[in-house]
């Protein structure tokens, strides 16, 4: 199964772990893929939890494309209403939120059906902020890593938690246990690091970072 950062996956089995840097999964949970470590492991995020997990415990799911002001939601409970204009959905379905009606209701779409729905029956899905930068670099065939206007250059050491095979030119590869030199905090999800004279982007969930980073 081919997986790319920015895609969403659904857990097909429970995955229980006590290893540092890994994340527990429950069947049916939907995660955002933040990085591809190798052909067997990927990194993802769910409910503000980040970590790595095996590819064969999840499946890629198709989600609607969003534009400015729109959001993706996952139905945590089924919503069945007889009111005209309401949007019905089943637990586990992905909903495209078109616009907020008020603090408690959104207008959205599931398939060809549109209507309003209460936020208490859904939770919002995370998005990959780094995706726009990565796409711009790939289209421009650039070897440079993206920079953030408010990035902080604070050199320090960090230990790799898992093996990572770089998928793009500007990513850094390493093995679990390698000690990286972090040279920049790009954003909440990515850092720039050096190892053996090479530098590149690294997903922050794949290394043991100080808690204040």
Foldseek 3Di string as FASTA:
>chain_A
DDDDQFFKKFFCDWDDDPAAQADTHHGLDIWGFHADFDPFKTWTDDPNDIGMDTPVRIDTDDDDDDDPQKFKKAFCAFDDDPDPQADTDHHSAIWIFPHAPDPFKTWIDDDHDTGMDGCVRIDTHDGHPCVVVVVVCVVVVDLDHDADPPKDFDWDKWFFRAFGDDPDNQADGDGGGFIWIFGIDRDPFWTWTDDPHDIHIDGPSGIHDPPVD
